[in-house]
Amino acid sequence: MIETPENSPEILESRSKIYTTLSWLGVIILIYLLIAATGLISTGFATSAGKQAQELFEFARNPFAGLLVGTLCTALIQSSSTVTSIIVGLVAGGLPVAIAIPMVMGSNIGTTITNTIVSLGHVKNTDEFQKAFAAATIHDFFNLISVIIFLPLELATHFLEKFGLFLADFLVGRELINIENFNPIQATTQPLIILIENSTHILPSPLDGIALVLVGIGLIFLAIFYLGKLLKILMIDKAKNMLHLALGKGAISGMLSGTLVTMLVQSSSTTTSLIVPLAGNGLLTLEEIYPFTLGANIGTCITALLAATAVVTNQVAALEIAMVHLLYNLLGTITIYGIPFLRNTPIWSAKNLAKIASDRKYLAIIYIIATFFFLPATLLIFTKNL
């Protein structure tokens, strides 16, 4: 075949470079929209709720209701990054941190639905399905154990709330994050926030604030959805290489790899779903996958921390809940993986559940529906009537 100018290596390489440059530009724009969207939610919520904010959250003063809201919303959206970014915006708008903490814990549980669904791709082969389902559900059991340990401790001592506030105050006070004086991120997002806010003034109160919240939530959905797509295209090969290099080289290496890969692709669901097919095909053992999954839990916290830099009001509170998210995942990893009995419990549970599900595959579907939708929704209705 005669080479034409259109398909010559030089032309193809030039097009590839232009496409890569435009993709990275798209990533920057989407991150900008994500940060601005958080500011819109906080502004809109404060405007619409006003003095009635506390009344809106009376039902969630039951911490189990907050936990269930976080679980159900994340299972429906299939993105803990989206839910935690929205929570940061709500905290900045007046949602008490104490109420937001169980919601953040619930988002950790809800996000595991994606890789559990991915494991169903191996359902035709019983041996593969058993391995894949165990690799997916080990994340479920780890997050459930983490909630069982830390939610009662938090309710009794408020240690996460206090430590998160301490770190937020320290960072702001030391000007390690320039929130109170000049914040370049906030300075660049404020014009867009003000522009959208001014355009909603034609609506009567509280519809103007509600409109801001809805626009903010819509932008977060848009930004995280397309951010994930672009970063997968740009970084997925590097992420896979990092995964192959790190897994099998010890727990610390696996955790660091899971953290870095998740930060690169901005999605713990994507990260953990990458390893499910590898487990199903027998390329990785459950023990090798486990630390990587824990690292993904930690890496997903970057989105909330990024979102917290954009808010105008209650900046410390917004940063506090983002720090709580990070602390919760770090302490969960250290505690559960550091104690042999607790470390082995998710492995044992996942293996046994996978064995049962591989014998009766319809139970896998029942497990997904019951764990992520039916039980949270039923319990949420029950707790609201308490």
Protein backbone atom coordinates (compact mmCIF):
# COMPACT_ATOMS: atom_id res chain seq x y z
CA MET A 1 0.00 0.00 0.00
CA ILE A 2 1.34 3.39 -0.98
CA GLU A 3 1.74 5.65 1.99
CA THR A 4 -0.24 8.87 1.68
CA PRO A 5 0.36 12.08 3.60
CA GLU A 6 -2.83 11.44 5.58
CA ASN A 7 -1.60 8.17 7.11
CA SER A 8 2.15 8.82 7.26
CA PRO A 9 3.82 8.23 10.66
CA GLU A 10 4.58 11.93 11.03
CA ILE A 11 0.96 12.97 10.46
CA LEU A 12 -0.37 10.25 12.76
CA GLU A 13 2.10 11.20 15.49
CA SER A 14 1.18 14.87 15.14
CA ARG A 15 -2.52 14.07 15.42
CA SER A 16 -1.85 11.92 18.47
CA LYS A 17 0.03 14.77 20.17
CA ILE A 18 -2.78 17.23 19.39
CA TYR A 19 -5.38 14.78 20.72
CA THR A 20 -3.35 14.22 23.90
CA THR A 21 -2.92 17.97 24.42
CA LEU A 22 -6.65 18.60 23.94
CA SER A 23 -7.47 15.73 26.30
CA TRP A 24 -5.27 17.19 29.05
CA LEU A 25 -6.87 20.58 28.45
CA GLY A 26 -10.23 18.88 28.90
CA VAL A 27 -9.03 17.38 32.19
CA ILE A 28 -8.05 20.83 33.47
CA ILE A 29 -11.43 22.31 32.45
CA LEU A 30 -13.32 19.44 34.11
CA ILE A 31 -11.35 19.78 37.35
CA TYR A 32 -12.15 23.51 37.26
CA LEU A 33 -15.87 22.71 36.83
CA LEU A 34 -15.75 20.16 39.66
CA ILE A 35 -14.27 22.71 42.06
CA ALA A 36 -16.67 25.45 40.94
CA ALA A 37 -19.63 23.06 41.30
CA THR A 38 -18.80 22.47 44.95
CA GLY A 39 -18.87 26.21 45.53
CA LEU A 40 -22.24 26.44 43.78
CA ILE A 41 -23.72 23.76 46.04
CA SER A 42 -22.49 25.46 49.21
CA THR A 43 -23.76 28.88 48.07
CA GLY A 44 -27.09 27.51 46.87
CA PHE A 45 -27.70 25.42 49.95
CA ALA A 46 -26.95 28.33 52.29
CA THR A 47 -29.27 30.55 50.24
CA SER A 48 -32.19 28.13 50.03
CA ALA A 49 -32.04 26.58 53.51
CA GLY A 50 -31.06 29.61 55.53
CA LYS A 51 -32.23 29.36 59.13
CA GLN A 52 -34.24 26.23 58.29
CA ALA A 53 -31.07 24.20 57.58
CA GLN A 54 -31.19 22.40 60.92
CA GLU A 55 -34.80 21.33 60.33
CA LEU A 56 -33.87 19.78 57.00
CA PHE A 57 -31.38 17.50 58.72
CA GLU A 58 -33.44 16.44 61.70
CA PHE A 59 -34.05 13.00 60.17
CA ALA A 60 -30.31 12.53 59.63
CA ARG A 61 -29.50 13.25 63.27
CA ASN A 62 -29.94 9.52 63.56
CA PRO A 63 -26.43 8.50 62.39
CA PHE A 64 -27.74 5.27 60.87
CA ALA A 65 -29.98 7.32 58.58
CA GLY A 66 -26.92 9.29 57.44
CA LEU A 67 -25.00 6.05 56.86
CA LEU A 68 -27.84 4.62 54.80
CA VAL A 69 -28.23 7.83 52.76
CA GLY A 70 -24.52 7.71 51.87
CA THR A 71 -24.72 4.01 50.95
CA LEU A 72 -27.88 4.28 48.86
CA CYS A 73 -26.86 7.45 47.00
CA THR A 74 -23.43 6.06 46.12
CA ALA A 75 -24.88 2.72 45.00
CA LEU A 76 -27.33 4.55 42.72
CA ILE A 77 -24.72 6.95 41.33
CA GLN A 78 -21.86 4.37 41.40
CA SER A 79 -19.34 7.04 42.33
CA SER A 80 -18.16 7.82 45.85
CA SER A 81 -16.18 10.76 44.43
CA THR A 82 -19.41 12.38 43.26
CA VAL A 83 -21.19 11.79 46.57
CA THR A 84 -18.32 13.01 48.76
CA SER A 85 -17.89 16.13 46.60
CA ILE A 86 -21.59 16.88 47.07
CA ILE A 87 -21.23 16.30 50.83
CA VAL A 88 -18.32 18.77 50.97
CA GLY A 89 -20.51 21.36 49.27
CA LEU A 90 -23.39 20.69 51.67
CA VAL A 91 -21.11 21.02 54.71
CA ALA A 92 -19.86 24.33 53.37
CA GLY A 93 -23.52 25.35 53.02
CA GLY A 94 -24.45 24.49 56.61
CA LEU A 95 -24.75 20.70 56.95
CA PRO A 96 -23.22 19.84 60.36
CA VAL A 97 -20.00 17.81 60.10
CA ALA A 98 -21.29 15.35 62.71
CA ILE A 99 -24.19 14.47 60.39
CA ALA A 100 -21.96 14.32 57.29
CA ILE A 101 -19.49 11.81 58.80
CA PRO A 102 -21.86 8.78 58.68
CA MET A 103 -22.78 9.78 55.11
CA VAL A 104 -19.09 9.64 54.15
CA MET A 105 -18.79 6.22 55.78
CA GLY A 106 -21.86 5.06 53.84
CA SER A 107 -20.35 6.26 50.56
CA ASN A 108 -17.44 3.86 51.14
CA ILE A 109 -19.89 0.96 51.30
CA GLY A 110 -21.94 2.06 48.30
CA THR A 111 -18.98 2.47 45.97
CA THR A 112 -18.15 -1.25 46.08
CA ILE A 113 -21.20 -2.10 43.97
CA THR A 114 -19.35 -1.39 40.69
CA ASN A 115 -16.67 -4.06 41.00
CA THR A 116 -19.27 -6.53 42.35
CA ILE A 117 -21.28 -6.01 39.14
CA VAL A 118 -18.09 -6.39 37.06
CA SER A 119 -17.53 -9.82 38.61
CA LEU A 120 -20.81 -11.01 37.01
CA GLY A 121 -18.97 -10.96 33.68
CA HIS A 122 -17.38 -14.27 34.73
CA VAL A 123 -20.69 -15.92 35.66
CA LYS A 124 -20.56 -18.51 32.85
CA ASN A 125 -17.38 -20.09 34.24
CA THR A 126 -17.94 -21.28 37.83
CA ASP A 127 -14.26 -21.31 38.83
CA GLU A 128 -13.58 -17.87 37.34
CA PHE A 129 -16.75 -16.44 38.86
CA GLN A 130 -15.85 -17.70 42.33
CA LYS A 131 -12.45 -15.99 42.17
CA ALA A 132 -13.82 -12.76 40.64
CA PHE A 133 -16.74 -12.50 43.08
CA ALA A 134 -14.39 -13.00 46.05
CA ALA A 135 -12.07 -10.28 44.68
CA ALA A 136 -15.03 -7.90 44.39
CA THR A 137 -16.69 -8.60 47.73
CA ILE A 138 -13.53 -8.39 49.82
CA HIS A 139 -13.93 -4.61 49.43
CA ASP A 140 -17.52 -4.88 50.69
CA PHE A 141 -16.52 -6.78 53.82
CA PHE A 142 -13.59 -4.48 54.60
CA ASN A 143 -15.80 -1.38 54.46
CA LEU A 144 -18.53 -3.02 56.54
CA ILE A 145 -16.02 -3.97 59.25
CA SER A 146 -14.59 -0.45 59.15
CA VAL A 147 -18.05 1.03 59.77
CA ILE A 148 -18.77 -1.47 62.57
CA ILE A 149 -15.55 -0.42 64.33
CA PHE A 150 -15.41 3.31 63.71
CA LEU A 151 -19.04 4.48 63.67
CA PRO A 152 -19.66 3.54 67.35
CA LEU A 153 -16.28 5.03 68.31
CA GLU A 154 -17.13 8.24 66.49
CA LEU A 155 -20.55 8.46 68.13
CA ALA A 156 -18.99 7.94 71.58
CA THR A 157 -15.94 10.20 71.25
CA HIS A 158 -16.30 12.31 68.03
CA PHE A 159 -12.58 11.64 67.51
CA LEU A 160 -12.76 11.88 63.70
CA GLU A 161 -14.66 15.17 63.90
CA LYS A 162 -12.18 16.60 66.43
CA PHE A 163 -9.05 15.39 64.62
CA GLY A 164 -10.40 16.57 61.26
CA LEU A 165 -11.11 20.01 62.73
CA PHE A 166 -7.62 20.11 64.27
CA LEU A 167 -5.98 19.36 60.93
CA ALA A 168 -8.21 21.83 59.05
CA ASP A 169 -7.44 24.59 61.57
CA PHE A 170 -3.73 23.74 61.45
CA LEU A 171 -3.56 23.86 57.66
CA VAL A 172 -5.48 27.13 57.44
CA GLY A 173 -3.73 28.74 60.41
CA ARG A 174 -0.27 27.85 59.12
CA GLU A 175 -1.31 29.04 55.65
CA LEU A 176 -0.25 25.72 54.16
CA ILE A 177 -3.52 26.15 52.31
CA ASN A 178 -4.21 29.78 51.58
CA ILE A 179 -7.95 29.70 52.24
CA GLU A 180 -8.39 32.78 54.36
CA ASN A 181 -6.15 35.13 52.40
CA PHE A 182 -5.56 34.53 48.71
CA ASN A 183 -6.58 31.17 47.30
CA PRO A 184 -5.75 31.01 43.57
CA ILE A 185 -8.17 28.12 43.01
CA GLN A 186 -10.99 30.01 44.68
CA ALA A 187 -10.06 33.20 42.81
CA THR A 188 -10.36 31.46 39.43
CA THR A 189 -13.66 29.71 40.21
CA GLN A 190 -15.43 32.65 41.84
CA PRO A 191 -16.22 34.51 38.57
CA LEU A 192 -18.12 31.46 37.24
CA ILE A 193 -19.93 30.96 40.56
CA ILE A 194 -20.94 34.64 40.69
CA LEU A 195 -22.06 34.56 37.04
CA ILE A 196 -24.34 31.55 37.62
CA GLU A 197 -25.54 32.97 40.95
CA ASN A 198 -26.52 36.26 39.30
CA SER A 199 -28.44 34.40 36.60
CA THR A 200 -30.61 32.68 39.25
CA HIS A 201 -31.68 35.97 40.88
CA ILE A 202 -34.67 36.11 38.52
CA LEU A 203 -36.14 33.22 40.54
CA PRO A 204 -37.92 33.86 43.84
CA SER A 205 -36.43 32.62 47.10
CA PRO A 206 -35.77 29.75 47.86
CA LEU A 207 -35.95 28.59 44.23
CA ASP A 208 -32.82 30.60 43.40
CA GLY A 209 -30.78 28.66 45.94
CA ILE A 210 -32.30 25.33 44.90
CA ALA A 211 -31.40 26.09 41.29
CA LEU A 212 -27.77 26.71 42.30
CA VAL A 213 -27.64 23.39 44.16
CA LEU A 214 -29.10 21.52 41.17
CA VAL A 215 -26.68 23.18 38.75
CA GLY A 216 -23.79 22.34 41.09
CA ILE A 217 -24.84 18.68 41.37
CA GLY A 218 -25.29 18.48 37.61
CA LEU A 219 -21.82 19.92 37.02
CA ILE A 220 -20.29 17.44 39.48
CA PHE A 221 -21.94 14.55 37.62
CA LEU A 222 -20.75 15.94 34.29
CA ALA A 223 -17.21 16.68 35.50
CA ILE A 224 -16.55 13.35 37.23
CA PHE A 225 -18.16 11.28 34.45
CA TYR A 226 -16.07 12.82 31.66
CA LEU A 227 -13.00 13.26 33.86
CA GLY A 228 -13.03 9.51 34.44
CA LYS A 229 -13.36 8.84 30.71
CA LEU A 230 -10.50 11.17 29.75
CA LEU A 231 -8.18 9.97 32.49
CA LYS A 232 -8.83 6.36 31.54
CA ILE A 233 -7.73 7.15 27.98
CA LEU A 234 -4.68 9.12 29.12
CA MET A 235 -3.57 7.10 32.13
CA ILE A 236 -5.00 3.59 31.94
CA ASP A 237 -1.88 2.05 30.38
CA LYS A 238 0.35 3.66 33.01
CA ALA A 239 -2.08 2.55 35.70
CA LYS A 240 -2.01 -1.05 34.46
CA ASN A 241 1.79 -1.04 34.32
CA MET A 242 1.94 0.28 37.87
CA LEU A 243 -0.54 -2.37 38.96
CA HIS A 244 1.48 -5.22 37.43
CA LEU A 245 4.76 -3.91 38.86
CA ALA A 246 3.44 -3.45 42.39
CA LEU A 247 1.12 -6.39 42.98
CA GLY A 248 2.81 -9.44 44.41
CA LYS A 249 5.63 -7.37 45.93
CA GLY A 250 4.12 -7.01 49.39
CA ALA A 251 1.27 -5.26 51.16
CA ILE A 252 2.81 -1.78 51.33
CA SER A 253 3.66 -1.83 47.63
CA GLY A 254 0.10 -2.94 46.82
CA MET A 255 -1.46 -0.22 48.95
CA LEU A 256 0.74 2.50 47.45
CA SER A 257 -0.06 1.24 43.97
CA GLY A 258 -3.80 1.25 44.67
CA THR A 259 -3.58 4.80 46.07
CA LEU A 260 -1.58 6.17 43.12
CA VAL A 261 -3.65 4.42 40.43
CA THR A 262 -6.88 5.75 41.97
CA MET A 263 -5.45 9.27 42.13
CA LEU A 264 -4.50 8.96 38.44
CA VAL A 265 -7.89 7.75 37.20
CA GLN A 266 -9.96 9.62 39.86
CA SER A 267 -12.16 6.60 40.55
CA SER A 268 -11.79 3.85 43.13
CA SER A 269 -14.53 1.91 41.30
CA THR A 270 -12.41 1.89 38.14
CA THR A 271 -9.29 0.91 40.07
CA THR A 272 -10.83 -2.01 41.90
CA SER A 273 -12.73 -3.12 38.79
CA LEU A 274 -9.40 -3.39 36.94
CA ILE A 275 -8.26 -6.22 39.18
CA VAL A 276 -11.48 -8.26 39.25
CA PRO A 277 -10.91 -9.81 35.76
CA LEU A 278 -7.28 -10.51 36.71
CA ALA A 279 -8.49 -12.39 39.77
CA GLY A 280 -11.13 -14.26 37.76
CA ASN A 281 -8.48 -15.45 35.31
CA GLY A 282 -6.27 -16.62 38.17
CA LEU A 283 -3.49 -14.08 37.50
CA LEU A 284 -3.75 -12.60 41.01
CA THR A 285 -4.63 -14.15 44.34
CA LEU A 286 -7.12 -12.64 46.77
CA GLU A 287 -4.26 -11.95 49.20
CA GLU A 288 -2.44 -9.91 46.51
CA ILE A 289 -5.57 -7.96 45.57
CA TYR A 290 -6.55 -7.08 49.13
CA PRO A 291 -3.87 -4.38 49.86
CA PHE A 292 -4.44 -2.82 46.43
CA THR A 293 -8.13 -2.43 47.25
CA LEU A 294 -7.28 -0.68 50.53
CA GLY A 295 -5.02 1.73 48.67
CA ALA A 296 -7.89 2.55 46.31
CA ASN A 297 -9.98 3.53 49.35
CA ILE A 298 -7.31 6.05 50.33
CA GLY A 299 -6.68 7.40 46.82
CA THR A 300 -10.32 8.31 46.25
CA CYS A 301 -10.12 10.92 49.05
CA ILE A 302 -8.24 13.32 46.75
CA THR A 303 -11.46 14.42 45.04
CA ALA A 304 -13.08 15.68 48.26
CA LEU A 305 -9.85 17.44 49.31
CA LEU A 306 -9.71 19.15 45.92
CA ALA A 307 -13.37 20.17 46.15
CA ALA A 308 -12.84 21.64 49.64
CA THR A 309 -10.44 24.28 48.30
CA ALA A 310 -13.21 26.00 46.31
CA VAL A 311 -15.75 26.98 48.92
CA VAL A 312 -16.24 30.59 50.00
CA THR A 313 -18.13 30.17 53.28
CA ASN A 314 -17.36 27.64 56.02
CA GLN A 315 -14.02 26.83 54.41
CA VAL A 316 -12.67 25.17 57.53
CA ALA A 317 -15.75 22.94 57.85
CA ALA A 318 -15.45 21.88 54.20
CA LEU A 319 -11.80 21.03 54.66
CA GLU A 320 -12.65 19.29 57.94
CA ILE A 321 -15.05 16.78 56.34
CA ALA A 322 -12.54 16.14 53.53
CA MET A 323 -9.87 15.43 56.16
CA VAL A 324 -12.31 13.17 58.06
CA HIS A 325 -12.76 11.13 54.87
CA LEU A 326 -9.00 10.71 54.53
CA LEU A 327 -8.48 9.95 58.24
CA TYR A 328 -11.28 7.39 58.26
CA ASN A 329 -9.81 5.46 55.33
CA LEU A 330 -6.25 5.67 56.67
CA LEU A 331 -7.21 4.54 60.17
CA GLY A 332 -9.42 1.78 58.79
CA THR A 333 -6.53 0.42 56.75
CA ILE A 334 -4.04 0.63 59.63
CA THR A 335 -6.41 -0.91 62.17
CA ILE A 336 -7.99 -3.71 60.16
CA TYR A 337 -4.90 -4.72 58.18
CA GLY A 338 -2.66 -4.30 61.20
CA ILE A 339 -4.55 -6.80 63.39
CA PRO A 340 -4.21 -10.38 62.04
CA PHE A 341 -7.72 -11.50 63.06
CA LEU A 342 -9.37 -8.44 61.50
CA ARG A 343 -7.08 -8.61 58.46
CA ASN A 344 -8.15 -12.16 57.65
CA THR A 345 -11.88 -11.65 58.27
CA PRO A 346 -12.67 -9.97 54.89
CA ILE A 347 -10.65 -12.66 53.07
CA TRP A 348 -12.47 -15.50 54.85
CA SER A 349 -15.88 -13.83 54.38
CA ALA A 350 -15.33 -13.09 50.68
CA LYS A 351 -14.12 -16.61 49.93
CA ASN A 352 -17.08 -18.25 51.67
CA LEU A 353 -19.65 -15.92 50.10
CA ALA A 354 -18.09 -16.49 46.67
CA LYS A 355 -18.24 -20.28 47.15
CA ILE A 356 -21.96 -20.07 48.00
CA ALA A 357 -22.66 -17.67 45.09
CA SER A 358 -20.75 -19.81 42.59
CA ASP A 359 -22.94 -22.82 43.49
CA ARG A 360 -26.15 -20.77 43.26
CA LYS A 361 -25.40 -17.89 40.92
CA TYR A 362 -28.80 -16.25 41.38
CA LEU A 363 -27.71 -15.48 44.96
CA ALA A 364 -25.11 -13.06 43.59
CA ILE A 365 -27.87 -10.92 42.07
CA ILE A 366 -29.89 -11.14 45.29
CA TYR A 367 -26.79 -10.11 47.26
CA ILE A 368 -26.25 -6.99 45.12
CA ILE A 369 -29.90 -5.89 45.23
CA ALA A 370 -30.30 -6.60 48.96
CA THR A 371 -26.97 -5.14 50.14
CA PHE A 372 -26.89 -1.95 48.09
CA PHE A 373 -30.56 -1.10 47.49
CA PHE A 374 -33.26 -3.03 49.33
CA LEU A 375 -31.76 -3.10 52.84
CA PRO A 376 -30.53 0.53 52.85
CA ALA A 377 -33.87 1.80 51.49
CA THR A 378 -35.90 -0.30 53.96
CA LEU A 379 -33.75 0.65 56.94
CA LEU A 380 -33.82 4.33 55.89
CA ILE A 381 -37.65 4.30 55.94
CA PHE A 382 -37.58 2.55 59.31
CA THR A 383 -35.09 4.99 60.89
CA LYS A 384 -37.09 7.99 59.66
CA ASN A 385 -40.09 6.72 61.64
CA LEU A 386 -38.12 6.32 64.87
